[in-house]
Structure formats: structure tokens, C-alpha cells
Amino acid sequence: MTEQFEVVVDTYRLQGASHWNVTGPLAVRLGDAWFPEREWNDFPVIVLGWWVSQLPDLAQGIDREFAFMDGPFRFSVIFEAGGARIVLEDLRADPPRVVSEAAIPADVVAGAIAAAAKEVVKACEGRGWTSCDIDELRSWVQSAGNGSSA
């Protein structure tokens, strides 16, 4: 049985304005583990933009690292015989400390990232916020809605 994986963005608590960087809660949940923590505050538009740009590589079975902006934290998707494994890492330690890991299908990771990106774009549009970062994320969401893997 695989663990549950989710990208969680609290769109009601996003802070920003037109042409400003949007901040707010952004975390991943792997089973019962929240990473970096349940109430982690970051830059969801920028970070999700980074993450969605790597989804084509995931679809091709290429290992990828997904970093947070605030703080030295990342999760990695590593392909192995029989599937993919997700590893949550705290990079403050040397070597990095594995917080949690589990077998997670890559399409589940991609779907969670895509869903969070769509939520954030919708929330920004609803508030009338615009920026280059929001436009890039919107462009990806629109292209995904027209037949890409997300």
C-alpha cells in the first residue's frame, strides 16, 4: 500500500497584491508527515512555478528535486525498479536528514503539484493579482488543461 501524497496550499491565507510576490502556507503531506511543517509559509506562486516546470521530466521517468524557497528543504522523486520513491529532506544537516520517504507513483506527485498550481492561479485571479510569475503559472495551468499530463 502506498502512502498518500498531497501538496497543500491554503489559498484563503495567501497574502499579496497585484505585481507583488504572493506568500502563504505551502506544504506537502506524505502520509501523516507534514513537510517542512503544516503551517510552512513560503512563496507558492514562485515555488509551484518551479515544480510544474519539472513535471515533463517526471512523466519521462527522470529523477527530480523539488525545493522550497524559504528554508533548506526539498523533496525528491527517485525512480527505481518497480516505481518511484519520494524522499523528504532537511538540508540543514550535513549530510541532509531524511524526514520521511515512501513509495509514491510519479503521476500522483505530478497530479498533486498540478492541482495545487490550479488552486493558486484561481485564487490569484479571483483577487485580481497579476505578475510575471502568476502569468507563467497560469500559462502552465492552461496548457495542462488542454491535454498535457496534469
N, C-alpha and C. Protein backbone atom coordinates (compact mmCIF):
# COMPACT_ATOMS: atom_id res chain seq x y z
N MET A 1 0.84 -1.19 0.00
CA MET A 1 0.00 0.00 0.00
C MET A 1 0.89 1.25 0.00
N THR A 2 0.59 2.18 -0.88
CA THR A 2 1.38 3.41 -0.94
C THR A 2 0.77 4.45 0.00
N GLU A 3 1.64 5.31 0.46
CA GLU A 3 1.22 6.44 1.30
C GLU A 3 0.46 7.46 0.46
N GLN A 4 -0.27 8.31 1.13
CA GLN A 4 -0.93 9.42 0.46
C GLN A 4 0.05 10.58 0.34
N PHE A 5 0.04 11.27 -0.80
CA PHE A 5 0.87 12.44 -1.02
C PHE A 5 -0.02 13.58 -1.47
N GLU A 6 0.21 14.76 -0.90
CA GLU A 6 -0.61 15.92 -1.22
C GLU A 6 0.24 17.19 -1.12
N VAL A 7 0.00 18.14 -2.02
CA VAL A 7 0.58 19.48 -1.92
C VAL A 7 -0.54 20.37 -1.39
N VAL A 8 -0.29 20.99 -0.24
CA VAL A 8 -1.34 21.75 0.44
C VAL A 8 -1.00 23.24 0.41
N VAL A 9 -1.93 24.02 -0.15
CA VAL A 9 -1.82 25.48 -0.18
C VAL A 9 -3.12 26.03 0.40
N ASP A 10 -3.01 26.86 1.41
CA ASP A 10 -4.21 27.48 1.98
C ASP A 10 -4.47 28.78 1.23
N THR A 11 -5.28 28.70 0.18
CA THR A 11 -5.50 29.85 -0.69
C THR A 11 -6.23 30.99 0.02
N TYR A 12 -6.95 30.67 1.08
CA TYR A 12 -7.64 31.73 1.83
C TYR A 12 -6.66 32.62 2.59
N ARG A 13 -5.48 32.09 2.86
CA ARG A 13 -4.50 32.84 3.64
C ARG A 13 -3.36 33.39 2.78
N LEU A 14 -3.52 33.38 1.46
CA LEU A 14 -2.49 33.97 0.60
C LEU A 14 -2.44 35.47 0.84
N GLN A 15 -1.24 36.00 0.83
CA GLN A 15 -1.02 37.43 1.01
C GLN A 15 -0.34 37.96 -0.23
N GLY A 16 -0.74 39.13 -0.66
CA GLY A 16 -0.10 39.71 -1.82
C GLY A 16 -0.94 40.84 -2.37
N ALA A 17 -0.56 41.31 -3.50
CA ALA A 17 -1.28 42.34 -4.22
C ALA A 17 -0.80 42.27 -5.65
N SER A 18 -1.49 42.97 -6.53
CA SER A 18 -1.07 42.96 -7.91
C SER A 18 0.39 43.41 -8.01
N HIS A 19 1.18 42.66 -8.76
CA HIS A 19 2.60 42.90 -9.01
C HIS A 19 3.50 42.64 -7.80
N TRP A 20 3.02 42.01 -6.75
CA TRP A 20 3.84 41.65 -5.60
C TRP A 20 3.99 40.14 -5.56
N ASN A 21 5.05 39.69 -4.90
CA ASN A 21 5.18 38.25 -4.67
C ASN A 21 4.11 37.80 -3.70
N VAL A 22 3.48 36.70 -4.02
CA VAL A 22 2.43 36.13 -3.19
C VAL A 22 3.08 35.21 -2.16
N THR A 23 2.70 35.37 -0.91
CA THR A 23 3.18 34.48 0.15
C THR A 23 1.98 33.77 0.78
N GLY A 24 2.28 32.68 1.45
CA GLY A 24 1.22 31.96 2.14
C GLY A 24 1.63 30.54 2.46
N PRO A 25 0.74 29.83 3.14
CA PRO A 25 1.03 28.45 3.53
C PRO A 25 1.19 27.53 2.33
N LEU A 26 2.29 26.78 2.34
CA LEU A 26 2.58 25.79 1.31
C LEU A 26 3.36 24.66 1.98
N ALA A 27 2.83 23.47 1.90
CA ALA A 27 3.50 22.31 2.50
C ALA A 27 3.13 21.08 1.70
N VAL A 28 3.87 20.00 1.93
CA VAL A 28 3.47 18.71 1.38
C VAL A 28 3.14 17.80 2.55
N ARG A 29 2.25 16.87 2.25
CA ARG A 29 1.88 15.88 3.26
C ARG A 29 2.13 14.50 2.66
N LEU A 30 2.93 13.74 3.36
CA LEU A 30 3.24 12.37 2.97
C LEU A 30 2.75 11.49 4.11
N GLY A 31 1.63 10.82 3.89
CA GLY A 31 1.02 10.06 4.98
C GLY A 31 0.62 11.02 6.08
N ASP A 32 1.13 10.81 7.28
CA ASP A 32 0.84 11.70 8.42
C ASP A 32 1.89 12.79 8.61
N ALA A 33 2.94 12.79 7.79
CA ALA A 33 4.03 13.75 7.95
C ALA A 33 3.78 15.00 7.12
N TRP A 34 3.87 16.15 7.76
CA TRP A 34 3.79 17.44 7.07
C TRP A 34 5.21 17.95 6.86
N PHE A 35 5.46 18.52 5.68
CA PHE A 35 6.82 18.93 5.36
C PHE A 35 6.81 20.24 4.59
N PRO A 36 7.66 21.21 4.93
CA PRO A 36 8.57 21.23 6.06
C PRO A 36 7.83 21.24 7.40
N GLU A 37 6.64 21.83 7.43
CA GLU A 37 5.76 21.74 8.59
C GLU A 37 4.37 22.14 8.11
N ARG A 38 3.36 21.83 8.90
CA ARG A 38 1.97 22.05 8.48
C ARG A 38 1.69 23.51 8.14
N GLU A 39 2.20 24.44 8.87
CA GLU A 39 1.93 25.86 8.66
C GLU A 39 3.09 26.58 7.97
N TRP A 40 3.86 25.87 7.14
CA TRP A 40 5.02 26.45 6.48
C TRP A 40 4.58 27.61 5.59
N ASN A 41 5.25 28.75 5.72
CA ASN A 41 4.95 29.91 4.90
C ASN A 41 6.04 30.06 3.84
N ASP A 42 5.62 30.25 2.60
CA ASP A 42 6.58 30.32 1.51
C ASP A 42 6.02 31.22 0.41
N PHE A 43 6.52 31.06 -0.80
CA PHE A 43 6.10 31.82 -1.97
C PHE A 43 5.43 30.84 -2.94
N PRO A 44 4.16 30.52 -2.74
CA PRO A 44 3.52 29.44 -3.51
C PRO A 44 3.55 29.63 -5.02
N VAL A 45 3.36 30.85 -5.51
CA VAL A 45 3.34 31.05 -6.97
C VAL A 45 4.71 30.71 -7.56
N ILE A 46 5.75 31.24 -6.96
CA ILE A 46 7.10 31.00 -7.46
C ILE A 46 7.49 29.53 -7.32
N VAL A 47 7.28 28.98 -6.14
CA VAL A 47 7.69 27.59 -5.88
C VAL A 47 6.91 26.63 -6.78
N LEU A 48 5.60 26.81 -6.88
CA LEU A 48 4.82 25.93 -7.75
C LEU A 48 5.23 26.10 -9.21
N GLY A 49 5.64 27.30 -9.59
CA GLY A 49 6.18 27.50 -10.94
C GLY A 49 7.42 26.65 -11.18
N TRP A 50 8.31 26.61 -10.18
CA TRP A 50 9.49 25.75 -10.30
C TRP A 50 9.07 24.29 -10.44
N TRP A 51 8.15 23.90 -9.57
CA TRP A 51 7.76 22.49 -9.52
C TRP A 51 7.07 22.05 -10.81
N VAL A 52 6.14 22.86 -11.34
CA VAL A 52 5.43 22.43 -12.55
C VAL A 52 6.38 22.36 -13.74
N SER A 53 7.42 23.15 -13.73
CA SER A 53 8.37 23.10 -14.85
C SER A 53 9.09 21.76 -14.93
N GLN A 54 9.07 21.00 -13.83
CA GLN A 54 9.75 19.70 -13.80
C GLN A 54 8.82 18.52 -14.07
N LEU A 55 7.53 18.78 -14.23
CA LEU A 55 6.58 17.69 -14.44
C LEU A 55 6.84 16.90 -15.73
N PRO A 56 7.24 17.55 -16.83
CA PRO A 56 7.55 16.74 -18.02
C PRO A 56 8.67 15.73 -17.77
N ASP A 57 9.67 16.11 -16.98
CA ASP A 57 10.74 15.16 -16.65
C ASP A 57 10.21 13.98 -15.84
N LEU A 58 9.32 14.27 -14.88
CA LEU A 58 8.73 13.18 -14.10
C LEU A 58 7.99 12.21 -15.01
N ALA A 59 7.25 12.76 -15.96
CA ALA A 59 6.49 11.91 -16.88
C ALA A 59 7.41 11.01 -17.70
N GLN A 60 8.67 11.42 -17.87
CA GLN A 60 9.63 10.62 -18.62
C GLN A 60 10.48 9.72 -17.72
N GLY A 61 10.18 9.72 -16.42
CA GLY A 61 10.92 8.85 -15.51
C GLY A 61 12.27 9.39 -15.10
N ILE A 62 12.43 10.71 -15.13
CA ILE A 62 13.69 11.34 -14.75
C ILE A 62 13.60 11.81 -13.30
N ASP A 63 14.57 11.42 -12.47
CA ASP A 63 14.62 11.85 -11.06
C ASP A 63 14.62 13.37 -11.00
N ARG A 64 13.91 13.93 -10.01
CA ARG A 64 13.85 15.38 -9.84
C ARG A 64 13.81 15.75 -8.37
N GLU A 65 14.35 16.95 -8.08
CA GLU A 65 14.30 17.54 -6.74
C GLU A 65 13.38 18.75 -6.79
N PHE A 66 12.56 18.91 -5.76
CA PHE A 66 11.59 19.99 -5.67
C PHE A 66 11.90 20.79 -4.41
N ALA A 67 12.45 21.98 -4.58
CA ALA A 67 12.90 22.80 -3.45
C ALA A 67 11.83 23.78 -3.01
N PHE A 68 11.87 24.11 -1.74
CA PHE A 68 11.10 25.23 -1.20
C PHE A 68 12.00 26.46 -1.28
N MET A 69 11.39 27.63 -1.31
CA MET A 69 12.19 28.86 -1.37
C MET A 69 12.67 29.25 0.01
N ASP A 70 11.77 29.27 0.98
CA ASP A 70 12.13 29.68 2.34
C ASP A 70 12.62 28.46 3.11
N GLY A 71 13.90 28.40 3.33
CA GLY A 71 14.44 27.31 4.12
C GLY A 71 15.06 26.23 3.26
N PRO A 72 15.99 25.52 3.83
CA PRO A 72 16.72 24.48 3.11
C PRO A 72 15.99 23.13 3.16
N PHE A 73 14.87 23.07 2.44
CA PHE A 73 14.06 21.84 2.43
C PHE A 73 13.75 21.48 0.98
N ARG A 74 13.68 20.18 0.72
CA ARG A 74 13.30 19.71 -0.60
C ARG A 74 12.68 18.32 -0.49
N PHE A 75 11.94 17.97 -1.52
CA PHE A 75 11.55 16.58 -1.67
C PHE A 75 12.02 16.13 -3.04
N SER A 76 12.38 14.87 -3.12
CA SER A 76 12.90 14.31 -4.36
C SER A 76 12.01 13.15 -4.79
N VAL A 77 11.90 12.99 -6.10
CA VAL A 77 11.25 11.82 -6.66
C VAL A 77 12.36 11.03 -7.34
N ILE A 78 12.54 9.81 -6.89
CA ILE A 78 13.61 8.94 -7.37
C ILE A 78 12.97 7.70 -7.97
N PHE A 79 13.30 7.45 -9.22
CA PHE A 79 12.74 6.29 -9.91
C PHE A 79 13.61 5.07 -9.64
N GLU A 80 12.93 3.96 -9.36
CA GLU A 80 13.58 2.70 -9.07
C GLU A 80 12.85 1.61 -9.83
N ALA A 81 13.42 0.43 -9.88
CA ALA A 81 12.72 -0.69 -10.49
C ALA A 81 11.39 -0.87 -9.75
N GLY A 82 10.33 -0.88 -10.49
CA GLY A 82 9.03 -1.10 -9.88
C GLY A 82 8.29 0.17 -9.48
N GLY A 83 8.86 1.35 -9.70
CA GLY A 83 8.11 2.56 -9.36
C GLY A 83 8.99 3.72 -8.93
N ALA A 84 8.37 4.60 -8.18
CA ALA A 84 9.07 5.80 -7.72
C ALA A 84 9.00 5.89 -6.21
N ARG A 85 9.97 6.59 -5.65
CA ARG A 85 10.04 6.81 -4.21
C ARG A 85 10.17 8.32 -4.01
N ILE A 86 9.45 8.84 -3.02
CA ILE A 86 9.57 10.24 -2.66
C ILE A 86 10.35 10.32 -1.35
N VAL A 87 11.27 11.27 -1.30
CA VAL A 87 12.12 11.45 -0.12
C VAL A 87 12.02 12.90 0.31
N LEU A 88 11.63 13.14 1.56
CA LEU A 88 11.56 14.48 2.14
C LEU A 88 12.85 14.72 2.89
N GLU A 89 13.57 15.82 2.56
CA GLU A 89 14.89 16.05 3.14
C GLU A 89 15.03 17.44 3.77
N ASP A 90 15.61 17.44 4.96
CA ASP A 90 16.01 18.67 5.65
C ASP A 90 17.49 18.87 5.34
N LEU A 91 17.79 19.95 4.62
CA LEU A 91 19.16 20.17 4.16
C LEU A 91 20.02 20.94 5.15
N ARG A 92 19.48 21.21 6.35
CA ARG A 92 20.30 21.92 7.34
C ARG A 92 21.38 21.03 7.91
N ALA A 93 21.21 19.74 7.82
CA ALA A 93 22.20 18.79 8.34
C ALA A 93 23.18 18.42 7.21
N ASP A 94 24.36 17.96 7.60
CA ASP A 94 25.33 17.50 6.63
C ASP A 94 25.79 16.11 7.03
N PRO A 95 25.37 15.07 6.36
CA PRO A 95 24.57 15.07 5.14
C PRO A 95 23.10 15.39 5.44
N PRO A 96 22.32 15.71 4.40
CA PRO A 96 20.91 16.03 4.61
C PRO A 96 20.19 14.91 5.37
N ARG A 97 19.24 15.34 6.21
CA ARG A 97 18.48 14.39 7.03
C ARG A 97 17.19 14.02 6.32
N VAL A 98 16.95 12.72 6.14
CA VAL A 98 15.71 12.25 5.56
C VAL A 98 14.63 12.31 6.64
N VAL A 99 13.59 13.10 6.36
CA VAL A 99 12.49 13.27 7.31
C VAL A 99 11.48 12.14 7.15
N SER A 100 11.21 11.78 5.91
CA SER A 100 10.27 10.70 5.62
C SER A 100 10.48 10.27 4.18
N GLU A 101 10.09 9.06 3.87
CA GLU A 101 10.13 8.58 2.49
C GLU A 101 9.12 7.47 2.31
N ALA A 102 8.65 7.33 1.07
CA ALA A 102 7.66 6.31 0.78
C ALA A 102 7.58 6.08 -0.72
N ALA A 103 7.04 4.93 -1.09
CA ALA A 103 6.77 4.65 -2.49
C ALA A 103 5.52 5.45 -2.88
N ILE A 104 5.68 6.29 -3.88
CA ILE A 104 4.58 7.11 -4.38
C ILE A 104 4.67 7.10 -5.91
N PRO A 105 3.60 6.76 -6.61
CA PRO A 105 3.66 6.84 -8.07
C PRO A 105 3.93 8.27 -8.53
N ALA A 106 4.78 8.42 -9.54
CA ALA A 106 5.14 9.75 -10.03
C ALA A 106 3.92 10.52 -10.51
N ASP A 107 2.93 9.82 -11.07
CA ASP A 107 1.74 10.54 -11.54
C ASP A 107 0.93 11.09 -10.38
N VAL A 108 1.03 10.50 -9.22
CA VAL A 108 0.36 11.04 -8.03
C VAL A 108 1.04 12.34 -7.60
N VAL A 109 2.37 12.34 -7.61
CA VAL A 109 3.12 13.56 -7.28
C VAL A 109 2.78 14.65 -8.29
N ALA A 110 2.83 14.32 -9.56
CA ALA A 110 2.53 15.31 -10.61
C ALA A 110 1.11 15.84 -10.47
N GLY A 111 0.17 14.98 -10.20
CA GLY A 111 -1.22 15.41 -10.04
C GLY A 111 -1.41 16.32 -8.85
N ALA A 112 -0.70 16.05 -7.75
CA ALA A 112 -0.80 16.90 -6.56
C ALA A 112 -0.21 18.28 -6.82
N ILE A 113 0.90 18.34 -7.52
CA ILE A 113 1.52 19.63 -7.86
C ILE A 113 0.60 20.40 -8.79
N ALA A 114 0.08 19.74 -9.81
CA ALA A 114 -0.81 20.40 -10.77
C ALA A 114 -2.07 20.93 -10.09
N ALA A 115 -2.66 20.15 -9.20
CA ALA A 115 -3.87 20.59 -8.51
C ALA A 115 -3.60 21.82 -7.65
N ALA A 116 -2.48 21.84 -6.96
CA ALA A 116 -2.14 23.00 -6.13
C ALA A 116 -1.90 24.23 -7.01
N ALA A 117 -1.22 24.04 -8.14
CA ALA A 117 -0.98 25.17 -9.05
C ALA A 117 -2.30 25.74 -9.54
N LYS A 118 -3.23 24.89 -9.90
CA LYS A 118 -4.54 25.35 -10.38
C LYS A 118 -5.28 26.14 -9.30
N GLU A 119 -5.23 25.64 -8.06
CA GLU A 119 -5.87 26.35 -6.94
C GLU A 119 -5.28 27.74 -6.75
N VAL A 120 -3.97 27.83 -6.81
CA VAL A 120 -3.30 29.12 -6.58
C VAL A 120 -3.61 30.10 -7.70
N VAL A 121 -3.59 29.64 -8.94
CA VAL A 121 -3.93 30.52 -10.06
C VAL A 121 -5.36 31.04 -9.91
N LYS A 122 -6.27 30.15 -9.59
CA LYS A 122 -7.68 30.55 -9.42
C LYS A 122 -7.81 31.59 -8.31
N ALA A 123 -7.11 31.39 -7.20
CA ALA A 123 -7.17 32.33 -6.08
C ALA A 123 -6.59 33.69 -6.46
N CYS A 124 -5.47 33.68 -7.19
CA CYS A 124 -4.86 34.94 -7.61
C CYS A 124 -5.77 35.68 -8.60
N GLU A 125 -6.33 34.94 -9.54
CA GLU A 125 -7.26 35.56 -10.50
C GLU A 125 -8.46 36.15 -9.78
N GLY A 126 -8.98 35.43 -8.79
CA GLY A 126 -10.13 35.91 -8.04
C GLY A 126 -9.86 37.20 -7.29
N ARG A 127 -8.62 37.44 -6.96
CA ARG A 127 -8.23 38.66 -6.25
C ARG A 127 -7.73 39.75 -7.20
N GLY A 128 -7.67 39.43 -8.47
CA GLY A 128 -7.19 40.40 -9.45
C GLY A 128 -5.69 40.63 -9.42
N TRP A 129 -4.93 39.68 -8.87
CA TRP A 129 -3.48 39.82 -8.79
C TRP A 129 -2.85 39.41 -10.12
N THR A 130 -1.86 40.16 -10.54
CA THR A 130 -1.11 39.82 -11.74
C THR A 130 0.38 40.03 -11.49
N SER A 131 1.17 39.22 -12.12
CA SER A 131 2.64 39.36 -12.09
C SER A 131 3.17 38.41 -13.15
N CYS A 132 4.43 38.55 -13.47
CA CYS A 132 5.05 37.62 -14.42
C CYS A 132 4.98 36.19 -13.90
N ASP A 133 5.21 36.01 -12.59
CA ASP A 133 5.18 34.66 -12.00
C ASP A 133 3.78 34.06 -12.08
N ILE A 134 2.76 34.86 -11.79
CA ILE A 134 1.38 34.37 -11.88
C ILE A 134 1.04 34.05 -13.33
N ASP A 135 1.47 34.91 -14.26
CA ASP A 135 1.21 34.67 -15.68
C ASP A 135 1.85 33.37 -16.15
N GLU A 136 3.08 33.10 -15.71
CA GLU A 136 3.75 31.86 -16.08
C GLU A 136 3.02 30.64 -15.53
N LEU A 137 2.60 30.73 -14.28
CA LEU A 137 1.88 29.62 -13.67
C LEU A 137 0.53 29.43 -14.38
N ARG A 138 -0.15 30.52 -14.67
CA ARG A 138 -1.43 30.46 -15.40
C ARG A 138 -1.24 29.80 -16.76
N SER A 139 -0.19 30.18 -17.46
CA SER A 139 0.08 29.61 -18.77
C SER A 139 0.25 28.10 -18.68
N TRP A 140 0.99 27.65 -17.67
CA TRP A 140 1.17 26.22 -17.50
C TRP A 140 -0.16 25.54 -17.20
N VAL A 141 -0.95 26.12 -16.31
CA VAL A 141 -2.24 25.53 -15.94
C VAL A 141 -3.16 25.44 -17.17
N GLN A 142 -3.16 26.50 -17.99
CA GLN A 142 -3.98 26.49 -19.19
C GLN A 142 -3.52 25.43 -20.18
N SER A 143 -2.20 25.28 -20.35
CA SER A 143 -1.70 24.27 -21.27
C SER A 143 -1.98 22.86 -20.73
N ALA A 144 -1.94 22.70 -19.43
CA ALA A 144 -2.24 21.41 -18.82
C ALA A 144 -3.70 21.05 -19.03
N GLY A 145 -4.55 22.06 -18.99
CA GLY A 145 -5.98 21.82 -19.19
C GLY A 145 -6.31 21.46 -20.63
N ASN A 146 -5.36 21.69 -21.54
CA ASN A 146 -5.58 21.39 -22.95
C ASN A 146 -4.88 20.11 -23.37
N GLY A 147 -4.71 19.19 -22.41
CA GLY A 147 -4.25 17.87 -22.80
C GLY A 147 -2.90 17.43 -22.32
N SER A 148 -2.19 18.22 -21.51
CA SER A 148 -0.91 17.71 -21.01
C SER A 148 -1.16 16.73 -19.88
N SER A 149 -0.09 16.22 -19.28
CA SER A 149 -0.21 15.13 -18.31
C SER A 149 -0.82 15.53 -16.99
N ALA A 150 -0.99 16.76 -16.69
CA ALA A 150 -1.54 17.15 -15.40
C ALA A 150 -2.97 17.36 -15.56
